[in-house]
Amino acid sequence: IHDEDSKRFCVPGDLLFAVLLSQEGISQSMRFDFSGMVGDNKALSIDNKCEKHSSLVDDNGKEYLHMTREGDVSKDP
């Protein structure tokens, strides 16, 4: 399912995780919940619900990855 040439290709969860961390930073305590498989033709954006909750969602608002955080945030690469 992670073969780009396959008809059933989906984006690996670790890439979704990396995208969210690179944009939102890292905190002392974090939880990630994956809730769907993303195809290669799906545009995603980050929905910041509040300081402690962010999600990767598609254009229809369907959530694929939800992040909950506590503590200080670091965006130092």
PDB file of N, CA and C in Angstrom:
ATOM      1  N   ILE A   1       0.812  -1.213   0.000  1.00  0.00           N
ATOM      2  CA  ILE A   1       0.000   0.000   0.000  1.00  0.00           C
ATOM      3  C   ILE A   1       0.851   1.271   0.000  1.00  0.00           C
ATOM      4  N   HIS A   2       2.150   1.126   0.228  1.00  0.00           N
ATOM      5  CA  HIS A   2       3.030   2.298   0.201  1.00  0.00           C
ATOM      6  C   HIS A   2       3.831   2.384  -1.092  1.00  0.00           C
ATOM      7  N   ASP A   3       3.469   1.591  -2.083  1.00  0.00           N
ATOM      8  CA  ASP A   3       4.090   1.627  -3.407  1.00  0.00           C
ATOM      9  C   ASP A   3       3.346   2.659  -4.249  1.00  0.00           C
ATOM     10  N   GLU A   4       4.024   3.735  -4.636  1.00  0.00           N
ATOM     11  CA  GLU A   4       3.380   4.832  -5.369  1.00  0.00           C
ATOM     12  C   GLU A   4       2.695   4.390  -6.647  1.00  0.00           C
ATOM     13  N   ASP A   5       3.172   3.314  -7.251  1.00  0.00           N
ATOM     14  CA  ASP A   5       2.587   2.846  -8.505  1.00  0.00           C
ATOM     15  C   ASP A   5       1.384   1.933  -8.298  1.00  0.00           C
ATOM     16  N   SER A   6       1.118   1.549  -7.069  1.00  0.00           N
ATOM     17  CA  SER A   6      -0.006   0.667  -6.767  1.00  0.00           C
ATOM     18  C   SER A   6      -1.321   1.442  -6.807  1.00  0.00           C
ATOM     19  N   LYS A   7      -2.379   0.782  -7.253  1.00  0.00           N
ATOM     20  CA  LYS A   7      -3.704   1.422  -7.267  1.00  0.00           C
ATOM     21  C   LYS A   7      -4.205   1.688  -5.854  1.00  0.00           C
ATOM     22  N   ARG A   8      -3.719   0.920  -4.880  1.00  0.00           N
ATOM     23  CA  ARG A   8      -4.172   1.048  -3.496  1.00  0.00           C
ATOM     24  C   ARG A   8      -3.175   1.829  -2.642  1.00  0.00           C
ATOM     25  N   PHE A   9      -2.377   2.701  -3.263  1.00  0.00           N
ATOM     26  CA  PHE A   9      -1.369   3.470  -2.536  1.00  0.00           C
ATOM     27  C   PHE A   9      -2.009   4.328  -1.453  1.00  0.00           C
ATOM     28  N   CYS A  10      -1.350   4.402  -0.292  1.00  0.00           N
ATOM     29  CA  CYS A  10      -1.738   5.373   0.736  1.00  0.00           C
ATOM     30  C   CYS A  10      -0.470   5.978   1.323  1.00  0.00           C
ATOM     31  N   VAL A  11      -0.584   7.180   1.825  1.00  0.00           N
ATOM     32  CA  VAL A  11       0.547   7.896   2.406  1.00  0.00           C
ATOM     33  C   VAL A  11       0.884   7.251   3.748  1.00  0.00           C
ATOM     34  N   PRO A  12       2.160   6.898   3.993  1.00  0.00           N
ATOM     35  CA  PRO A  12       2.539   6.289   5.268  1.00  0.00           C
ATOM     36  C   PRO A  12       2.258   7.228   6.443  1.00  0.00           C
ATOM     37  N   GLY A  13       1.795   6.657   7.543  1.00  0.00           N
ATOM     38  CA  GLY A  13       1.465   7.439   8.730  1.00  0.00           C
ATOM     39  C   GLY A  13       2.639   8.204   9.298  1.00  0.00           C
ATOM     40  N   ASP A  14       3.860   7.650   9.170  1.00  0.00           N
ATOM     41  CA  ASP A  14       5.011   8.368   9.710  1.00  0.00           C
ATOM     42  C   ASP A  14       5.269   9.672   8.957  1.00  0.00           C
ATOM     43  N   LEU A  15       4.883   9.737   7.679  1.00  0.00           N
ATOM     44  CA  LEU A  15       5.011  10.997   6.940  1.00  0.00           C
ATOM     45  C   LEU A  15       3.984  12.022   7.424  1.00  0.00           C
ATOM     46  N   LEU A  16       2.768  11.569   7.701  1.00  0.00           N
ATOM     47  CA  LEU A  16       1.754  12.478   8.252  1.00  0.00           C
ATOM     48  C   LEU A  16       2.219  13.017   9.601  1.00  0.00           C
ATOM     49  N   PHE A  17       2.749  12.130  10.437  1.00  0.00           N
ATOM     50  CA  PHE A  17       3.283  12.485  11.745  1.00  0.00           C
ATOM     51  C   PHE A  17       4.385  13.538  11.590  1.00  0.00           C
ATOM     52  N   ALA A  18       5.318  13.319  10.654  1.00  0.00           N
ATOM     53  CA  ALA A  18       6.431  14.241  10.436  1.00  0.00           C
ATOM     54  C   ALA A  18       5.958  15.612   9.955  1.00  0.00           C
ATOM     55  N   VAL A  19       4.961  15.632   9.076  1.00  0.00           N
ATOM     56  CA  VAL A  19       4.421  16.905   8.581  1.00  0.00           C
ATOM     57  C   VAL A  19       3.822  17.707   9.728  1.00  0.00           C
ATOM     58  N   LEU A  20       3.028  17.048  10.555  1.00  0.00           N
ATOM     59  CA  LEU A  20       2.381  17.754  11.664  1.00  0.00           C
ATOM     60  C   LEU A  20       3.424  18.266  12.658  1.00  0.00           C
ATOM     61  N   LEU A  21       4.424  17.451  12.992  1.00  0.00           N
ATOM     62  CA  LEU A  21       5.476  17.901  13.909  1.00  0.00           C
ATOM     63  C   LEU A  21       6.280  19.056  13.329  1.00  0.00           C
ATOM     64  N   SER A  22       6.611  18.998  12.052  1.00  0.00           N
ATOM     65  CA  SER A  22       7.424  20.060  11.452  1.00  0.00           C
ATOM     66  C   SER A  22       6.687  21.395  11.428  1.00  0.00           C
ATOM     67  N   GLN A  23       5.385  21.367  11.306  1.00  0.00           N
ATOM     68  CA  GLN A  23       4.596  22.599  11.251  1.00  0.00           C
ATOM     69  C   GLN A  23       4.170  23.100  12.631  1.00  0.00           C
ATOM     70  N   GLU A  24       3.886  22.180  13.539  1.00  0.00           N
ATOM     71  CA  GLU A  24       3.322  22.550  14.837  1.00  0.00           C
ATOM     72  C   GLU A  24       4.324  22.512  15.984  1.00  0.00           C
ATOM     73  N   GLY A  25       5.495  21.896  15.769  1.00  0.00           N
ATOM     74  CA  GLY A  25       6.498  21.798  16.823  1.00  0.00           C
ATOM     75  C   GLY A  25       6.275  20.589  17.711  1.00  0.00           C
ATOM     76  N   ILE A  26       7.145  20.464  18.710  1.00  0.00           N
ATOM     77  CA  ILE A  26       7.093  19.330  19.625  1.00  0.00           C
ATOM     78  C   ILE A  26       6.861  19.842  21.042  1.00  0.00           C
ATOM     79  N   SER A  27       6.137  19.074  21.834  1.00  0.00           N
ATOM     80  CA  SER A  27       5.828  19.445  23.215  1.00  0.00           C
ATOM     81  C   SER A  27       6.294  18.356  24.165  1.00  0.00           C
ATOM     82  N   GLN A  28       6.254  18.663  25.458  1.00  0.00           N
ATOM     83  CA  GLN A  28       6.703  17.717  26.474  1.00  0.00           C
ATOM     84  C   GLN A  28       5.834  16.467  26.517  1.00  0.00           C
ATOM     85  N   SER A  29       4.560  16.613  26.291  1.00  0.00           N
ATOM     86  CA  SER A  29       3.639  15.477  26.296  1.00  0.00           C
ATOM     87  C   SER A  29       2.743  15.584  25.067  1.00  0.00           C
ATOM     88  N   MET A  30       2.727  14.514  24.262  1.00  0.00           N
ATOM     89  CA  MET A  30       1.941  14.542  23.027  1.00  0.00           C
ATOM     90  C   MET A  30       1.254  13.201  22.809  1.00  0.00           C
ATOM     91  N   ARG A  31       0.081  13.260  22.176  1.00  0.00           N
ATOM     92  CA  ARG A  31      -0.645  12.044  21.797  1.00  0.00           C
ATOM     93  C   ARG A  31      -1.091  12.213  20.344  1.00  0.00           C
ATOM     94  N   PHE A  32      -0.957  11.150  19.560  1.00  0.00           N
ATOM     95  CA  PHE A  32      -1.348  11.159  18.155  1.00  0.00           C
ATOM     96  C   PHE A  32      -2.330  10.032  17.903  1.00  0.00           C
ATOM     97  N   ASP A  33      -3.436  10.357  17.241  1.00  0.00           N
ATOM     98  CA  ASP A  33      -4.441   9.361  16.885  1.00  0.00           C
ATOM     99  C   ASP A  33      -4.648   9.399  15.377  1.00  0.00           C
ATOM    100  N   PHE A  34      -4.326   8.277  14.720  1.00  0.00           N
ATOM    101  CA  PHE A  34      -4.542   8.145  13.281  1.00  0.00           C
ATOM    102  C   PHE A  34      -5.962   7.644  13.062  1.00  0.00           C
ATOM    103  N   SER A  35      -6.669   8.255  12.106  1.00  0.00           N
ATOM    104  CA  SER A  35      -8.079   7.883  11.936  1.00  0.00           C
ATOM    105  C   SER A  35      -8.469   7.602  10.493  1.00  0.00           C
ATOM    106  N   GLY A  36      -7.500   7.515   9.590  1.00  0.00           N
ATOM    107  CA  GLY A  36      -7.854   7.207   8.212  1.00  0.00           C
ATOM    108  C   GLY A  36      -6.634   7.080   7.330  1.00  0.00           C
ATOM    109  N   MET A  37      -6.830   6.443   6.184  1.00  0.00           N
ATOM    110  CA  MET A  37      -5.758   6.294   5.204  1.00  0.00           C
ATOM    111  C   MET A  37      -5.897   7.391   4.154  1.00  0.00           C
ATOM    112  N   VAL A  38      -4.769   7.978   3.761  1.00  0.00           N
ATOM    113  CA  VAL A  38      -4.749   9.097   2.823  1.00  0.00           C
ATOM    114  C   VAL A  38      -4.208   8.630   1.477  1.00  0.00           C
ATOM    115  N   GLY A  39      -4.973   8.863   0.428  1.00  0.00           N
ATOM    116  CA  GLY A  39      -4.517   8.548  -0.925  1.00  0.00           C
ATOM    117  C   GLY A  39      -3.569   9.606  -1.446  1.00  0.00           C
ATOM    118  N   ASP A  40      -2.908   9.305  -2.554  1.00  0.00           N
ATOM    119  CA  ASP A  40      -1.911  10.229  -3.097  1.00  0.00           C
ATOM    120  C   ASP A  40      -2.511  11.476  -3.731  1.00  0.00           C
ATOM    121  N   ASN A  41      -3.797  11.487  -3.982  1.00  0.00           N
ATOM    122  CA  ASN A  41      -4.432  12.641  -4.628  1.00  0.00           C
ATOM    123  C   ASN A  41      -5.198  13.515  -3.642  1.00  0.00           C
ATOM    124  N   LYS A  42      -4.977  13.324  -2.357  1.00  0.00           N
ATOM    125  CA  LYS A  42      -5.724  14.026  -1.320  1.00  0.00           C
ATOM    126  C   LYS A  42      -4.916  15.204  -0.785  1.00  0.00           C
ATOM    127  N   ALA A  43      -5.446  16.414  -0.913  1.00  0.00           N
ATOM    128  CA  ALA A  43      -4.798  17.594  -0.338  1.00  0.00           C
ATOM    129  C   ALA A  43      -5.188  17.702   1.131  1.00  0.00           C
ATOM    130  N   LEU A  44      -4.203  17.934   1.986  1.00  0.00           N
ATOM    131  CA  LEU A  44      -4.452  18.044   3.422  1.00  0.00           C
ATOM    132  C   LEU A  44      -4.031  19.414   3.926  1.00  0.00           C
ATOM    133  N   SER A  45      -4.661  19.814   5.019  1.00  0.00           N
ATOM    134  CA  SER A  45      -4.279  21.052   5.686  1.00  0.00           C
ATOM    135  C   SER A  45      -4.335  20.814   7.189  1.00  0.00           C
ATOM    136  N   ILE A  46      -3.758  21.744   7.938  1.00  0.00           N
ATOM    137  CA  ILE A  46      -3.757  21.637   9.396  1.00  0.00           C
ATOM    138  C   ILE A  46      -4.892  22.473   9.947  1.00  0.00           C
ATOM    139  N   ASP A  47      -5.709  21.833  10.772  1.00  0.00           N
ATOM    140  CA  ASP A  47      -6.817  22.503  11.452  1.00  0.00           C
ATOM    141  C   ASP A  47      -6.412  22.672  12.912  1.00  0.00           C
ATOM    142  N   ASN A  48      -6.151  23.917  13.323  1.00  0.00           N
ATOM    143  CA  ASN A  48      -5.793  24.206  14.712  1.00  0.00           C
ATOM    144  C   ASN A  48      -7.056  24.508  15.494  1.00  0.00           C
ATOM    145  N   LYS A  49      -7.505  23.535  16.263  1.00  0.00           N
ATOM    146  CA  LYS A  49      -8.738  23.694  17.031  1.00  0.00           C
ATOM    147  C   LYS A  49      -8.523  24.629  18.223  1.00  0.00           C
ATOM    148  N   CYS A  50      -7.359  24.539  18.848  1.00  0.00           N
ATOM    149  CA  CYS A  50      -6.950  25.416  19.941  1.00  0.00           C
ATOM    150  C   CYS A  50      -5.464  25.176  20.175  1.00  0.00           C
ATOM    151  N   GLU A  51      -4.886  25.729  21.219  1.00  0.00           N
ATOM    152  CA  GLU A  51      -3.457  25.556  21.497  1.00  0.00           C
ATOM    153  C   GLU A  51      -3.066  24.096  21.669  1.00  0.00           C
ATOM    154  N   LYS A  52      -3.975  23.286  22.196  1.00  0.00           N
ATOM    155  CA  LYS A  52      -3.648  21.908  22.562  1.00  0.00           C
ATOM    156  C   LYS A  52      -4.083  20.868  21.543  1.00  0.00           C
ATOM    157  N   HIS A  53      -4.854  21.236  20.534  1.00  0.00           N
ATOM    158  CA  HIS A  53      -5.392  20.263  19.580  1.00  0.00           C
ATOM    159  C   HIS A  53      -5.200  20.743  18.142  1.00  0.00           C
ATOM    160  N   SER A  54      -4.592  19.885  17.323  1.00  0.00           N
ATOM    161  CA  SER A  54      -4.435  20.138  15.888  1.00  0.00           C
ATOM    162  C   SER A  54      -4.731  18.854  15.138  1.00  0.00           C
ATOM    163  N   SER A  55      -5.175  18.990  13.890  1.00  0.00           N
ATOM    164  CA  SER A  55      -5.489  17.817  13.075  1.00  0.00           C
ATOM    165  C   SER A  55      -5.068  18.045  11.634  1.00  0.00           C
ATOM    166  N   LEU A  56      -4.749  16.944  10.946  1.00  0.00           N
ATOM    167  CA  LEU A  56      -4.592  16.967   9.496  1.00  0.00           C
ATOM    168  C   LEU A  56      -5.934  16.577   8.916  1.00  0.00           C
ATOM    169  N   VAL A  57      -6.508  17.457   8.089  1.00  0.00           N
ATOM    170  CA  VAL A  57      -7.839  17.232   7.519  1.00  0.00           C
ATOM    171  C   VAL A  57      -7.803  17.455   6.011  1.00  0.00           C
ATOM    172  N   ASP A  58      -8.788  16.863   5.311  1.00  0.00           N
ATOM    173  CA  ASP A  58      -8.896  17.105   3.867  1.00  0.00           C
ATOM    174  C   ASP A  58      -9.837  18.279   3.615  1.00  0.00           C
ATOM    175  N   ASP A  59     -10.106  18.568   2.356  1.00  0.00           N
ATOM    176  CA  ASP A  59     -10.947  19.715   1.986  1.00  0.00           C
ATOM    177  C   ASP A  59     -12.377  19.596   2.491  1.00  0.00           C
ATOM    178  N   ASN A  60     -12.815  18.363   2.791  1.00  0.00           N
ATOM    179  CA  ASN A  60     -14.169  18.147   3.310  1.00  0.00           C
ATOM    180  C   ASN A  60     -14.212  18.139   4.829  1.00  0.00           C
ATOM    181  N   GLY A  61     -13.068  18.360   5.478  1.00  0.00           N
ATOM    182  CA  GLY A  61     -13.015  18.373   6.931  1.00  0.00           C
ATOM    183  C   GLY A  61     -12.807  17.004   7.559  1.00  0.00           C
ATOM    184  N   LYS A  62     -12.613  15.964   6.744  1.00  0.00           N
ATOM    185  CA  LYS A  62     -12.369  14.629   7.290  1.00  0.00           C
ATOM    186  C   LYS A  62     -10.991  14.607   7.935  1.00  0.00           C
ATOM    187  N   GLU A  63     -10.939  14.120   9.161  1.00  0.00           N
ATOM    188  CA  GLU A  63      -9.702  14.092   9.931  1.00  0.00           C
ATOM    189  C   GLU A  63      -8.934  12.789   9.682  1.00  0.00           C
ATOM    190  N   TYR A  64      -7.604  12.909   9.498  1.00  0.00           N
ATOM    191  CA  TYR A  64      -6.747  11.745   9.282  1.00  0.00           C
ATOM    192  C   TYR A  64      -5.760  11.536  10.422  1.00  0.00           C
ATOM    193  N   LEU A  65      -5.369  12.614  11.084  1.00  0.00           N
ATOM    194  CA  LEU A  65      -4.439  12.534  12.206  1.00  0.00           C
ATOM    195  C   LEU A  65      -4.789  13.639  13.187  1.00  0.00           C
ATOM    196  N   HIS A  66      -4.963  13.258  14.455  1.00  0.00           N
ATOM    197  CA  HIS A  66      -5.293  14.226  15.501  1.00  0.00           C
ATOM    198  C   HIS A  66      -4.143  14.259  16.500  1.00  0.00           C
ATOM    199  N   MET A  67      -3.738  15.456  16.886  1.00  0.00           N
ATOM    200  CA  MET A  67      -2.660  15.638  17.852  1.00  0.00           C
ATOM    201  C   MET A  67      -3.181  16.400  19.060  1.00  0.00           C
ATOM    202  N   THR A  68      -2.862  15.884  20.247  1.00  0.00           N
ATOM    203  CA  THR A  68      -3.156  16.558  21.510  1.00  0.00           C
ATOM    204  C   THR A  68      -1.822  16.789  22.202  1.00  0.00           C
ATOM    205  N   ARG A  69      -1.632  17.991  22.747  1.00  0.00           N
ATOM    206  CA  ARG A  69      -0.347  18.323  23.374  1.00  0.00           C
ATOM    207  C   ARG A  69      -0.539  18.987  24.725  1.00  0.00           C
ATOM    208  N   GLU A  70       0.498  18.858  25.563  1.00  0.00           N
ATOM    209  CA  GLU A  70       0.573  19.528  26.862  1.00  0.00           C
ATOM    210  C   GLU A  70       2.002  20.025  27.045  1.00  0.00           C
ATOM    211  N   GLY A  71       2.162  21.156  27.687  1.00  0.00           N
ATOM    212  CA  GLY A  71       3.494  21.657  28.008  1.00  0.00           C
ATOM    213  C   GLY A  71       4.031  22.635  26.978  1.00  0.00           C
ATOM    214  N   ASP A  72       5.285  23.006  27.204  1.00  0.00           N
ATOM    215  CA  ASP A  72       5.958  23.969  26.328  1.00  0.00           C
ATOM    216  C   ASP A  72       6.102  23.422  24.915  1.00  0.00           C
ATOM    217  N   VAL A  73       6.099  24.334  23.943  1.00  0.00           N
ATOM    218  CA  VAL A  73       6.234  23.958  22.533  1.00  0.00           C
ATOM    219  C   VAL A  73       7.597  24.424  22.021  1.00  0.00           C
ATOM    220  N   SER A  74       8.307  23.522  21.333  1.00  0.00           N
ATOM    221  CA  SER A  74       9.577  23.864  20.694  1.00  0.00           C
ATOM    222  C   SER A  74       9.435  23.675  19.190  1.00  0.00           C
ATOM    223  N   LYS A  75       9.836  24.682  18.433  1.00  0.00           N
ATOM    224  CA  LYS A  75       9.840  24.584  16.968  1.00  0.00           C
ATOM    225  C   LYS A  75      11.267  24.676  16.442  1.00  0.00           C
ATOM    226  N   ASP A  76      12.237  24.357  17.292  1.00  0.00           N
ATOM    227  CA  ASP A  76      13.651  24.392  16.923  1.00  0.00           C
ATOM    228  C   ASP A  76      13.977  23.187  16.052  1.00  0.00           C
ATOM    229  N   PRO A  77      14.412  23.428  14.800  1.00  0.00           N
ATOM    230  CA  PRO A  77      14.700  22.302  13.903  1.00  0.00           C
ATOM    231  C   PRO A  77      15.893  21.539  14.390  1.00  0.00           C
TER     232      PRO A  77
END
